[in-house]
Amino acid sequence: MEQAIDGFLRHLKIEKNSSPLTVKSYAEDVASLIDYFQDRVGYIPEAKQVSVGMLRGYVAYLHECDYAKTTVARRLACLRSLFRFCLREGMTTSNPAQALRTPRTGRKLPNLLTIDQLATLLEAPPANEPMGLRDRAILETTYSAGLRVAEVVSLDVGSWDRDSDVLRVIGKGRKERISPLGKYAVKALDNWLEVRQPNPQNTDGNPLFLNKFGKRLTTRSIGRMLDKYLMLTGLDRQSTPHSLRHSFATHLLDGGADLRSVQELLGHKSLTTTQIYTHVSTRRMQETYEQAHPHSAKNHDRKK
């Protein structure tokens, strides 16, 4: 089983070009299965010995441990991929995870910032010091192009085409897309590049965004940076760097953009993934109606 898992993780990294974060998450998921076999079954079976019944016992164990439905669903997806790989490589004759039912997780609407809230956030970094200029450039770029935080940290100076004001972005699965930049992001990047001082000993390419030591930023560093400005401005502390991406998509749809264009800009493989933002826009439209229309249910109740 361990040999099968090692091969599976190599397959993710080399053949599928999965991100380091995806490989890490899958490694943790399969490690959980191995722990279950050791603690509850008493031995680690070979891949071909794993049955549907064994995996159902594992799923019951996850529920017994009160794991969130989203975690259970992710681990089941991992198991299906693992045994699909084993079947392809001839290690098994079937995929025992295929028969497992994924728990319904519901559809959680993403956390959003309004246009006014975003304006407050984007103006929060100080414009009179290098790190403030860097932070403003990060926030403006993330929102302007609707980037994932992993895409932001992977940007190099050469990723920005300054003649046409577009970014060459490497997304999930190492897929490349072109993302346009607005004038505020372009100005913020210009200001940052004027004061940017890279470390000449940096061996990690030519990162666009640097930490105070002149090296590439991490996703965790950007999360901490955002949290600092959320606290400073009194905005919702539950917002994350991904909230900027959610806000980007929702504001585009609110402004009349079509769903297929938003899908392309976000780099979503499936239109179904993008469709959650139509629910967000509909909800916001309903809230506006309830607040503003004199014959809405809310205003009708007020008059009684």
C-alpha atoms as a PDB file:
ATOM      1  CA  MET A   1       0.000   0.000   0.000  1.00  0.00           C
ATOM      2  CA  GLU A   2       2.813   2.400   0.845  1.00  0.00           C
ATOM      3  CA  GLN A   3       4.389   1.715  -2.571  1.00  0.00           C
ATOM      4  CA  ALA A   4       1.069   2.472  -4.264  1.00  0.00           C
ATOM      5  CA  ILE A   5       0.751   5.723  -2.327  1.00  0.00           C
ATOM      6  CA  ASP A   6       4.311   6.801  -3.177  1.00  0.00           C
ATOM      7  CA  GLY A   7       3.619   6.160  -6.857  1.00  0.00           C
ATOM      8  CA  PHE A   8       0.320   8.038  -6.657  1.00  0.00           C
ATOM      9  CA  LEU A   9       1.922  11.131  -5.119  1.00  0.00           C
ATOM     10  CA  ARG A  10       4.678  11.087  -7.757  1.00  0.00           C
ATOM     11  CA  HIS A  11       1.956  10.811 -10.408  1.00  0.00           C
ATOM     12  CA  LEU A  12       0.244  13.918  -8.994  1.00  0.00           C
ATOM     13  CA  LYS A  13       3.452  15.904  -8.886  1.00  0.00           C
ATOM     14  CA  ILE A  14       5.056  14.898 -12.179  1.00  0.00           C
ATOM     15  CA  GLU A  15       2.308  13.749 -14.554  1.00  0.00           C
ATOM     16  CA  LYS A  16      -0.578  15.926 -13.407  1.00  0.00           C
ATOM     17  CA  ASN A  17       1.548  18.957 -12.474  1.00  0.00           C
ATOM     18  CA  SER A  18      -0.484  19.380  -9.289  1.00  0.00           C
ATOM     19  CA  SER A  19       0.477  22.265  -7.026  1.00  0.00           C
ATOM     20  CA  PRO A  20       2.642  21.541  -3.946  1.00  0.00           C
ATOM     21  CA  LEU A  21      -0.371  22.402  -1.774  1.00  0.00           C
ATOM     22  CA  THR A  22      -2.543  19.805  -3.554  1.00  0.00           C
ATOM     23  CA  VAL A  23       0.146  17.130  -3.222  1.00  0.00           C
ATOM     24  CA  LYS A  24       0.542  17.987   0.468  1.00  0.00           C
ATOM     25  CA  SER A  25      -3.223  17.759   1.063  1.00  0.00           C
ATOM     26  CA  TYR A  26      -3.490  14.395  -0.706  1.00  0.00           C
ATOM     27  CA  ALA A  27      -0.479  13.090   1.222  1.00  0.00           C
ATOM     28  CA  GLU A  28      -2.229  14.002   4.478  1.00  0.00           C
ATOM     29  CA  ASP A  29      -5.441  12.322   3.298  1.00  0.00           C
ATOM     30  CA  VAL A  30      -3.788   9.012   2.412  1.00  0.00           C
ATOM     31  CA  ALA A  31      -1.759   9.147   5.649  1.00  0.00           C
ATOM     32  CA  SER A  32      -5.084   9.270   7.487  1.00  0.00           C
ATOM     33  CA  LEU A  33      -6.149   6.049   5.725  1.00  0.00           C
ATOM     34  CA  ILE A  34      -2.888   4.322   6.684  1.00  0.00           C
ATOM     35  CA  ASP A  35      -3.340   5.395  10.318  1.00  0.00           C
ATOM     36  CA  TYR A  36      -6.856   3.948  10.242  1.00  0.00           C
ATOM     37  CA  PHE A  37      -5.606   0.620   8.905  1.00  0.00           C
ATOM     38  CA  GLN A  38      -2.919   0.435  11.587  1.00  0.00           C
ATOM     39  CA  ASP A  39      -5.132   1.467  14.517  1.00  0.00           C
ATOM     40  CA  ARG A  40      -8.508  -0.063  13.619  1.00  0.00           C
ATOM     41  CA  VAL A  41      -7.814  -2.909  11.178  1.00  0.00           C
ATOM     42  CA  GLY A  42      -4.544  -3.992  12.766  1.00  0.00           C
ATOM     43  CA  TYR A  43      -2.474  -4.192   9.588  1.00  0.00           C
ATOM     44  CA  ILE A  44      -1.826  -2.317   6.354  1.00  0.00           C
ATOM     45  CA  PRO A  45      -3.298  -4.296   3.438  1.00  0.00           C
ATOM     46  CA  GLU A  46      -1.958  -4.365  -0.080  1.00  0.00           C
ATOM     47  CA  ALA A  47      -3.816  -2.154  -2.529  1.00  0.00           C
ATOM     48  CA  LYS A  48      -5.499  -5.182  -4.147  1.00  0.00           C
ATOM     49  CA  GLN A  49      -6.763  -6.348  -0.720  1.00  0.00           C
ATOM     50  CA  VAL A  50      -8.635  -3.120   0.051  1.00  0.00           C
ATOM     51  CA  SER A  51     -12.384  -3.716  -0.193  1.00  0.00           C
ATOM     52  CA  VAL A  52     -15.434  -1.481  -0.281  1.00  0.00           C
ATOM     53  CA  GLY A  53     -16.268  -2.698   3.229  1.00  0.00           C
ATOM     54  CA  MET A  54     -12.864  -1.590   4.547  1.00  0.00           C
ATOM     55  CA  LEU A  55     -13.321   1.861   3.067  1.00  0.00           C
ATOM     56  CA  ARG A  56     -16.866   2.145   4.430  1.00  0.00           C
ATOM     57  CA  GLY A  57     -15.397   1.404   7.846  1.00  0.00           C
ATOM     58  CA  TYR A  58     -12.903   4.215   7.285  1.00  0.00           C
ATOM     59  CA  VAL A  59     -15.690   6.644   6.311  1.00  0.00           C
ATOM     60  CA  ALA A  60     -17.651   5.645   9.432  1.00  0.00           C
ATOM     61  CA  TYR A  61     -14.506   6.285  11.473  1.00  0.00           C
ATOM     62  CA  LEU A  62     -14.194   9.800   9.981  1.00  0.00           C
ATOM     63  CA  HIS A  63     -17.800  10.566  10.938  1.00  0.00           C
ATOM     64  CA  GLU A  64     -17.191   9.091  14.401  1.00  0.00           C
ATOM     65  CA  CYS A  65     -14.289  11.522  14.827  1.00  0.00           C
ATOM     66  CA  ASP A  66     -16.635  14.405  13.916  1.00  0.00           C
ATOM     67  CA  TYR A  67     -14.737  15.482  10.828  1.00  0.00           C
ATOM     68  CA  ALA A  68     -16.523  18.146   8.804  1.00  0.00           C
ATOM     69  CA  LYS A  69     -18.493  16.920   5.803  1.00  0.00           C
ATOM     70  CA  THR A  70     -16.185  18.907   3.533  1.00  0.00           C
ATOM     71  CA  THR A  71     -13.165  17.050   4.942  1.00  0.00           C
ATOM     72  CA  VAL A  72     -14.852  13.675   4.472  1.00  0.00           C
ATOM     73  CA  ALA A  73     -15.812  14.603   0.905  1.00  0.00           C
ATOM     74  CA  ARG A  74     -12.240  15.674   0.108  1.00  0.00           C
ATOM     75  CA  ARG A  75     -10.785  12.459   1.520  1.00  0.00           C
ATOM     76  CA  LEU A  76     -13.220  10.372  -0.512  1.00  0.00           C
ATOM     77  CA  ALA A  77     -12.199  12.267  -3.649  1.00  0.00           C
ATOM     78  CA  CYS A  78      -8.584  11.498  -2.786  1.00  0.00           C
ATOM     79  CA  LEU A  79      -9.345   7.782  -2.350  1.00  0.00           C
ATOM     80  CA  ARG A  80     -11.124   7.622  -5.703  1.00  0.00           C
ATOM     81  CA  SER A  81      -8.096   9.189  -7.376  1.00  0.00           C
ATOM     82  CA  LEU A  82      -5.706   6.876  -5.514  1.00  0.00           C
ATOM     83  CA  PHE A  83      -7.484   3.663  -6.499  1.00  0.00           C
ATOM     84  CA  ARG A  84      -8.100   4.917 -10.036  1.00  0.00           C
ATOM     85  CA  PHE A  85      -4.311   5.242 -10.269  1.00  0.00           C
ATOM     86  CA  CYS A  86      -3.855   1.756  -8.756  1.00  0.00           C
ATOM     87  CA  LEU A  87      -6.300   0.300 -11.294  1.00  0.00           C
ATOM     88  CA  ARG A  88      -4.456   1.974 -14.149  1.00  0.00           C
ATOM     89  CA  GLU A  89      -1.122   0.635 -12.902  1.00  0.00           C
ATOM     90  CA  GLY A  90      -2.457  -2.910 -12.479  1.00  0.00           C
ATOM     91  CA  MET A  91      -2.183  -2.879  -8.679  1.00  0.00           C
ATOM     92  CA  THR A  92      -5.927  -3.559  -8.320  1.00  0.00           C
ATOM     93  CA  THR A  93      -8.663  -5.027 -10.499  1.00  0.00           C
ATOM     94  CA  SER A  94     -11.315  -2.493  -9.453  1.00  0.00           C
ATOM     95  CA  ASN A  95     -11.779   0.844  -7.712  1.00  0.00           C
ATOM     96  CA  PRO A  96     -13.304   0.079  -4.280  1.00  0.00           C
ATOM     97  CA  ALA A  97     -13.749   3.796  -3.543  1.00  0.00           C
ATOM     98  CA  GLN A  98     -16.050   4.294  -6.523  1.00  0.00           C
ATOM     99  CA  ALA A  99     -19.076   2.885  -4.667  1.00  0.00           C
ATOM    100  CA  LEU A 100     -18.721   5.219  -1.684  1.00  0.00           C
ATOM    101  CA  ARG A 101     -21.295   7.981  -1.369  1.00  0.00           C
ATOM    102  CA  THR A 102     -20.019  11.511  -0.891  1.00  0.00           C
ATOM    103  CA  PRO A 103     -21.807  13.363   1.947  1.00  0.00           C
ATOM    104  CA  ARG A 104     -23.802  16.393   0.911  1.00  0.00           C
ATOM    105  CA  THR A 105     -21.872  19.430   2.000  1.00  0.00           C
ATOM    106  CA  GLY A 106     -24.257  22.155   0.856  1.00  0.00           C
ATOM    107  CA  ARG A 107     -23.082  25.171  -1.075  1.00  0.00           C
ATOM    108  CA  LYS A 108     -21.426  27.790   1.055  1.00  0.00           C
ATOM    109  CA  LEU A 109     -21.577  31.233  -0.485  1.00  0.00           C
ATOM    110  CA  PRO A 110     -18.158  32.909  -0.528  1.00  0.00           C
ATOM    111  CA  ASN A 111     -17.299  35.767   1.797  1.00  0.00           C
ATOM    112  CA  LEU A 112     -17.387  39.087  -0.044  1.00  0.00           C
ATOM    113  CA  LEU A 113     -16.355  42.688   0.333  1.00  0.00           C
ATOM    114  CA  THR A 114     -18.473  45.492  -1.113  1.00  0.00           C
ATOM    115  CA  ILE A 115     -16.949  48.019  -3.499  1.00  0.00           C
ATOM    116  CA  ASP A 116     -16.821  50.626  -0.710  1.00  0.00           C
ATOM    117  CA  GLN A 117     -15.194  48.145   1.682  1.00  0.00           C
ATOM    118  CA  LEU A 118     -12.619  47.236  -0.968  1.00  0.00           C
ATOM    119  CA  ALA A 119     -11.822  50.912  -1.539  1.00  0.00           C
ATOM    120  CA  THR A 120     -11.169  51.259   2.206  1.00  0.00           C
ATOM    121  CA  LEU A 121      -8.976  48.155   2.245  1.00  0.00           C
ATOM    122  CA  LEU A 122      -6.967  49.052  -0.857  1.00  0.00           C
ATOM    123  CA  GLU A 123      -6.147  52.494   0.525  1.00  0.00           C
ATOM    124  CA  ALA A 124      -5.050  51.155   3.925  1.00  0.00           C
ATOM    125  CA  PRO A 125      -1.379  50.327   3.145  1.00  0.00           C
ATOM    126  CA  PRO A 126       0.870  53.371   3.723  1.00  0.00           C
ATOM    127  CA  ALA A 127       2.100  54.950   0.491  1.00  0.00           C
ATOM    128  CA  ASN A 128       5.226  56.455   2.066  1.00  0.00           C
ATOM    129  CA  GLU A 129       7.184  53.241   2.746  1.00  0.00           C
ATOM    130  CA  PRO A 130       8.308  50.337   0.517  1.00  0.00           C
ATOM    131  CA  MET A 131       6.369  47.598   2.314  1.00  0.00           C
ATOM    132  CA  GLY A 132       3.223  49.701   2.165  1.00  0.00           C
ATOM    133  CA  LEU A 133       3.659  50.166  -1.580  1.00  0.00           C
ATOM    134  CA  ARG A 134       4.231  46.429  -1.942  1.00  0.00           C
ATOM    135  CA  ASP A 135       1.108  45.589   0.069  1.00  0.00           C
ATOM    136  CA  ARG A 136      -1.030  47.980  -1.959  1.00  0.00           C
ATOM    137  CA  ALA A 137       0.310  46.457  -5.184  1.00  0.00           C
ATOM    138  CA  ILE A 138      -0.510  42.947  -3.924  1.00  0.00           C
ATOM    139  CA  LEU A 139      -4.058  43.860  -2.920  1.00  0.00           C
ATOM    140  CA  GLU A 140      -4.740  45.827  -6.100  1.00  0.00           C
ATOM    141  CA  THR A 141      -3.331  43.074  -8.328  1.00  0.00           C
ATOM    142  CA  THR A 142      -5.216  40.289  -6.545  1.00  0.00           C
ATOM    143  CA  TYR A 143      -8.534  42.108  -6.850  1.00  0.00           C
ATOM    144  CA  SER A 144      -7.945  43.561 -10.320  1.00  0.00           C
ATOM    145  CA  ALA A 145      -7.081  40.176 -11.870  1.00  0.00           C
ATOM    146  CA  GLY A 146      -9.109  37.911  -9.573  1.00  0.00           C
ATOM    147  CA  LEU A 147      -6.067  35.847  -8.610  1.00  0.00           C
ATOM    148  CA  ARG A 148      -5.709  32.960  -6.197  1.00  0.00           C
ATOM    149  CA  VAL A 149      -3.175  33.713  -3.486  1.00  0.00           C
ATOM    150  CA  ALA A 150      -0.894  30.918  -4.775  1.00  0.00           C
ATOM    151  CA  GLU A 151      -0.962  32.590  -8.184  1.00  0.00           C
ATOM    152  CA  VAL A 152       0.026  35.920  -6.633  1.00  0.00           C
ATOM    153  CA  VAL A 153       3.127  34.552  -4.892  1.00  0.00           C
ATOM    154  CA  SER A 154       4.216  32.685  -8.034  1.00  0.00           C
ATOM    155  CA  LEU A 155       4.261  35.858 -10.167  1.00  0.00           C
ATOM    156  CA  ASP A 156       7.640  36.947 -11.501  1.00  0.00           C
ATOM    157  CA  VAL A 157       8.579  40.402 -12.754  1.00  0.00           C
ATOM    158  CA  GLY A 158       8.431  38.978 -16.274  1.00  0.00           C
ATOM    159  CA  SER A 159       4.838  37.818 -15.710  1.00  0.00           C
ATOM    160  CA  TRP A 160       3.674  41.398 -16.232  1.00  0.00           C
ATOM    161  CA  ASP A 161       3.543  42.637 -19.816  1.00  0.00           C
ATOM    162  CA  ARG A 162       3.875  46.358 -19.222  1.00  0.00           C
ATOM    163  CA  ASP A 163       3.089  47.230 -22.839  1.00  0.00           C
ATOM    164  CA  SER A 164      -0.374  45.665 -22.814  1.00  0.00           C
ATOM    165  CA  ASP A 165      -0.987  45.661 -19.023  1.00  0.00           C
ATOM    166  CA  VAL A 166      -1.743  41.965 -18.710  1.00  0.00           C
ATOM    167  CA  LEU A 167      -0.412  39.258 -16.422  1.00  0.00           C
ATOM    168  CA  ARG A 168       0.677  35.797 -17.493  1.00  0.00           C
ATOM    169  CA  VAL A 169      -0.711  33.675 -14.664  1.00  0.00           C
ATOM    170  CA  ILE A 170       0.125  30.052 -13.881  1.00  0.00           C
ATOM    171  CA  GLY A 171      -3.006  28.549 -12.329  1.00  0.00           C
ATOM    172  CA  LYS A 172      -4.060  25.135 -11.055  1.00  0.00           C
ATOM    173  CA  GLY A 173      -2.535  22.211 -12.894  1.00  0.00           C
ATOM    174  CA  ARG A 174       0.160  24.544 -14.230  1.00  0.00           C
ATOM    175  CA  LYS A 175      -2.366  25.933 -16.722  1.00  0.00           C
ATOM    176  CA  GLU A 176      -1.505  29.361 -18.075  1.00  0.00           C
ATOM    177  CA  ARG A 177      -3.975  32.182 -18.642  1.00  0.00           C
ATOM    178  CA  ILE A 178      -3.798  35.868 -19.445  1.00  0.00           C
ATOM    179  CA  SER A 179      -5.355  38.277 -16.935  1.00  0.00           C
ATOM    180  CA  PRO A 180      -5.885  41.976 -17.706  1.00  0.00           C
ATOM    181  CA  LEU A 181      -4.980  44.601 -15.119  1.00  0.00           C
ATOM    182  CA  GLY A 182      -6.903  47.782 -14.308  1.00  0.00           C
ATOM    183  CA  LYS A 183      -5.296  51.213 -14.103  1.00  0.00           C
ATOM    184  CA  TYR A 184      -5.179  51.226 -10.286  1.00  0.00           C
ATOM    185  CA  ALA A 185      -3.287  47.933 -10.214  1.00  0.00           C
ATOM    186  CA  VAL A 186      -0.910  49.148 -12.920  1.00  0.00           C
ATOM    187  CA  LYS A 187      -0.163  52.328 -10.969  1.00  0.00           C
ATOM    188  CA  ALA A 188       0.349  50.358  -7.746  1.00  0.00           C
ATOM    189  CA  LEU A 189       2.747  47.958  -9.497  1.00  0.00           C
ATOM    190  CA  ASP A 190       4.682  50.857 -11.035  1.00  0.00           C
ATOM    191  CA  ASN A 191       5.072  52.452  -7.588  1.00  0.00           C
ATOM    192  CA  TRP A 192       6.198  49.158  -6.061  1.00  0.00           C
ATOM    193  CA  LEU A 193       8.760  48.374  -8.768  1.00  0.00           C
ATOM    194  CA  GLU A 194      10.365  51.781  -8.224  1.00  0.00           C
ATOM    195  CA  VAL A 195      11.338  50.802  -4.663  1.00  0.00           C
ATOM    196  CA  ARG A 196      11.627  46.995  -5.031  1.00  0.00           C
ATOM    197  CA  GLN A 197      15.069  45.741  -3.978  1.00  0.00           C
ATOM    198  CA  PRO A 198      15.638  42.048  -4.736  1.00  0.00           C
ATOM    199  CA  ASN A 199      18.210  39.914  -2.962  1.00  0.00           C
ATOM    200  CA  PRO A 200      21.035  39.202  -5.465  1.00  0.00           C
ATOM    201  CA  GLN A 201      21.520  35.782  -3.815  1.00  0.00           C
ATOM    202  CA  ASN A 202      17.886  34.813  -4.407  1.00  0.00           C
ATOM    203  CA  THR A 203      17.779  31.496  -6.271  1.00  0.00           C
ATOM    204  CA  ASP A 204      13.986  31.472  -6.698  1.00  0.00           C
ATOM    205  CA  GLY A 205      13.711  33.248 -10.046  1.00  0.00           C
ATOM    206  CA  ASN A 206      12.792  36.927 -10.128  1.00  0.00           C
ATOM    207  CA  PRO A 207       9.717  37.193  -7.867  1.00  0.00           C
ATOM    208  CA  LEU A 208       7.418  40.157  -8.394  1.00  0.00           C
ATOM    209  CA  PHE A 209       6.554  40.428  -4.697  1.00  0.00           C
ATOM    210  CA  LEU A 210       9.320  40.185  -2.115  1.00  0.00           C
ATOM    211  CA  ASN A 211       9.512  39.961   1.659  1.00  0.00           C
ATOM    212  CA  LYS A 212      11.746  42.261   3.692  1.00  0.00           C
ATOM    213  CA  PHE A 213      14.706  39.957   3.004  1.00  0.00           C
ATOM    214  CA  GLY A 214      14.297  40.303  -0.757  1.00  0.00           C
ATOM    215  CA  LYS A 215      12.907  36.789  -1.236  1.00  0.00           C
ATOM    216  CA  ARG A 216       9.632  35.470  -2.621  1.00  0.00           C
ATOM    217  CA  LEU A 217       6.600  35.892  -0.373  1.00  0.00           C
ATOM    218  CA  THR A 218       4.599  32.915   0.885  1.00  0.00           C
ATOM    219  CA  THR A 219       0.807  32.514   0.836  1.00  0.00           C
ATOM    220  CA  ARG A 220       0.845  32.606   4.630  1.00  0.00           C
ATOM    221  CA  SER A 221       2.660  35.953   4.601  1.00  0.00           C
ATOM    222  CA  ILE A 222      -0.038  37.449   2.370  1.00  0.00           C
ATOM    223  CA  GLY A 223      -2.733  36.091   4.695  1.00  0.00           C
ATOM    224  CA  ARG A 224      -1.067  37.766   7.684  1.00  0.00           C
ATOM    225  CA  MET A 225      -0.647  40.997   5.731  1.00  0.00           C
ATOM    226  CA  LEU A 226      -4.323  41.092   4.804  1.00  0.00           C
ATOM    227  CA  ASP A 227      -5.380  40.339   8.365  1.00  0.00           C
ATOM    228  CA  LYS A 228      -3.346  43.323   9.554  1.00  0.00           C
ATOM    229  CA  TYR A 229      -5.196  45.707   7.237  1.00  0.00           C
ATOM    230  CA  LEU A 230      -8.591  44.179   8.013  1.00  0.00           C
ATOM    231  CA  MET A 231      -7.967  44.859  11.684  1.00  0.00           C
ATOM    232  CA  LEU A 232      -6.663  48.363  10.937  1.00  0.00           C
ATOM    233  CA  THR A 233      -9.753  49.287   8.893  1.00  0.00           C
ATOM    234  CA  GLY A 234     -12.300  47.483  11.074  1.00  0.00           C
ATOM    235  CA  LEU A 235     -13.464  45.290   8.177  1.00  0.00           C
ATOM    236  CA  ASP A 236     -14.670  41.694   8.474  1.00  0.00           C
ATOM    237  CA  ARG A 237     -11.794  39.664   9.960  1.00  0.00           C
ATOM    238  CA  GLN A 238     -13.209  36.503   8.377  1.00  0.00           C
ATOM    239  CA  SER A 239     -12.185  37.801   4.963  1.00  0.00           C
ATOM    240  CA  THR A 240      -9.226  36.041   3.363  1.00  0.00           C
ATOM    241  CA  PRO A 241      -7.080  36.695   0.294  1.00  0.00           C
ATOM    242  CA  HIS A 242      -9.584  34.499  -1.574  1.00  0.00           C
ATOM    243  CA  SER A 243     -12.318  36.973  -0.626  1.00  0.00           C
ATOM    244  CA  LEU A 244     -10.719  39.418  -3.078  1.00  0.00           C
ATOM    245  CA  ARG A 245     -11.099  36.829  -5.841  1.00  0.00           C
ATOM    246  CA  HIS A 246     -14.725  36.186  -4.851  1.00  0.00           C
ATOM    247  CA  SER A 247     -15.407  39.926  -4.830  1.00  0.00           C
ATOM    248  CA  PHE A 248     -13.776  40.310  -8.258  1.00  0.00           C
ATOM    249  CA  ALA A 249     -16.094  37.700  -9.797  1.00  0.00           C
ATOM    250  CA  THR A 250     -19.250  38.969  -8.105  1.00  0.00           C
ATOM    251  CA  HIS A 251     -18.589  42.603  -8.988  1.00  0.00           C
ATOM    252  CA  LEU A 252     -18.046  41.619 -12.631  1.00  0.00           C
ATOM    253  CA  LEU A 253     -21.378  39.809 -12.758  1.00  0.00           C
ATOM    254  CA  ASP A 254     -23.096  42.687 -10.953  1.00  0.00           C
ATOM    255  CA  GLY A 255     -21.685  44.978 -13.626  1.00  0.00           C
ATOM    256  CA  GLY A 256     -23.149  42.906 -16.462  1.00  0.00           C
ATOM    257  CA  ALA A 257     -20.288  40.553 -17.401  1.00  0.00           C
ATOM    258  CA  ASP A 258     -21.389  37.222 -18.859  1.00  0.00           C
ATOM    259  CA  LEU A 259     -20.665  34.016 -16.959  1.00  0.00           C
ATOM    260  CA  ARG A 260     -18.436  32.481 -19.639  1.00  0.00           C
ATOM    261  CA  SER A 261     -16.117  35.519 -19.623  1.00  0.00           C
ATOM    262  CA  VAL A 262     -15.869  35.388 -15.824  1.00  0.00           C
ATOM    263  CA  GLN A 263     -15.029  31.693 -16.089  1.00  0.00           C
ATOM    264  CA  GLU A 264     -12.143  32.491 -18.433  1.00  0.00           C
ATOM    265  CA  LEU A 265     -10.855  35.303 -16.223  1.00  0.00           C
ATOM    266  CA  LEU A 266     -10.949  33.097 -13.111  1.00  0.00           C
ATOM    267  CA  GLY A 267      -9.307  30.182 -14.890  1.00  0.00           C
ATOM    268  CA  HIS A 268     -12.090  27.760 -13.917  1.00  0.00           C
ATOM    269  CA  LYS A 269     -12.059  24.470 -15.820  1.00  0.00           C
ATOM    270  CA  SER A 270     -15.818  24.015 -15.435  1.00  0.00           C
ATOM    271  CA  LEU A 271     -18.579  26.576 -15.792  1.00  0.00           C
ATOM    272  CA  THR A 272     -20.336  24.867 -12.861  1.00  0.00           C
ATOM    273  CA  THR A 273     -17.620  26.173 -10.532  1.00  0.00           C
ATOM    274  CA  THR A 274     -18.236  29.726 -11.713  1.00  0.00           C
ATOM    275  CA  GLN A 275     -22.001  29.459 -11.352  1.00  0.00           C
ATOM    276  CA  ILE A 276     -21.844  29.891  -7.574  1.00  0.00           C
ATOM    277  CA  TYR A 277     -21.254  33.603  -8.240  1.00  0.00           C
ATOM    278  CA  THR A 278     -24.616  33.873  -9.971  1.00  0.00           C
ATOM    279  CA  HIS A 279     -26.165  32.777  -6.673  1.00  0.00           C
ATOM    280  CA  VAL A 280     -24.183  35.486  -4.878  1.00  0.00           C
ATOM    281  CA  SER A 281     -25.315  38.146  -7.347  1.00  0.00           C
ATOM    282  CA  THR A 282     -28.938  36.970  -7.086  1.00  0.00           C
ATOM    283  CA  ARG A 283     -28.790  37.100  -3.314  1.00  0.00           C
ATOM    284  CA  ARG A 284     -27.381  40.633  -3.389  1.00  0.00           C
ATOM    285  CA  MET A 285     -30.069  41.672  -5.869  1.00  0.00           C
ATOM    286  CA  GLN A 286     -32.779  40.252  -3.592  1.00  0.00           C
ATOM    287  CA  GLU A 287     -31.340  42.069  -0.568  1.00  0.00           C
ATOM    288  CA  THR A 288     -31.325  45.357  -2.515  1.00  0.00           C
ATOM    289  CA  TYR A 289     -34.925  44.764  -3.596  1.00  0.00           C
ATOM    290  CA  GLU A 290     -36.040  44.027  -0.033  1.00  0.00           C
ATOM    291  CA  GLN A 291     -34.376  47.197   1.230  1.00  0.00           C
ATOM    292  CA  ALA A 292     -35.489  49.548  -1.535  1.00  0.00           C
ATOM    293  CA  HIS A 293     -38.812  48.477  -3.014  1.00  0.00           C
ATOM    294  CA  PRO A 294     -41.842  49.982  -1.226  1.00  0.00           C
ATOM    295  CA  HIS A 295     -43.911  46.832  -1.799  1.00  0.00           C
ATOM    296  CA  SER A 296     -41.259  44.336  -0.701  1.00  0.00           C
ATOM    297  CA  ALA A 297     -42.142  41.954   2.123  1.00  0.00           C
ATOM    298  CA  LYS A 298     -39.753  43.710   4.479  1.00  0.00           C
ATOM    299  CA  ASN A 299     -41.154  47.195   3.875  1.00  0.00           C
ATOM    300  CA  HIS A 300     -44.713  45.856   3.952  1.00  0.00           C
ATOM    301  CA  ASP A 301     -44.082  44.478   7.451  1.00  0.00           C
ATOM    302  CA  ARG A 302     -42.697  47.843   8.566  1.00  0.00           C
ATOM    303  CA  LYS A 303     -45.925  49.624   7.560  1.00  0.00           C
ATOM    304  CA  LYS A 304     -48.139  47.318   9.607  1.00  0.00           C
END
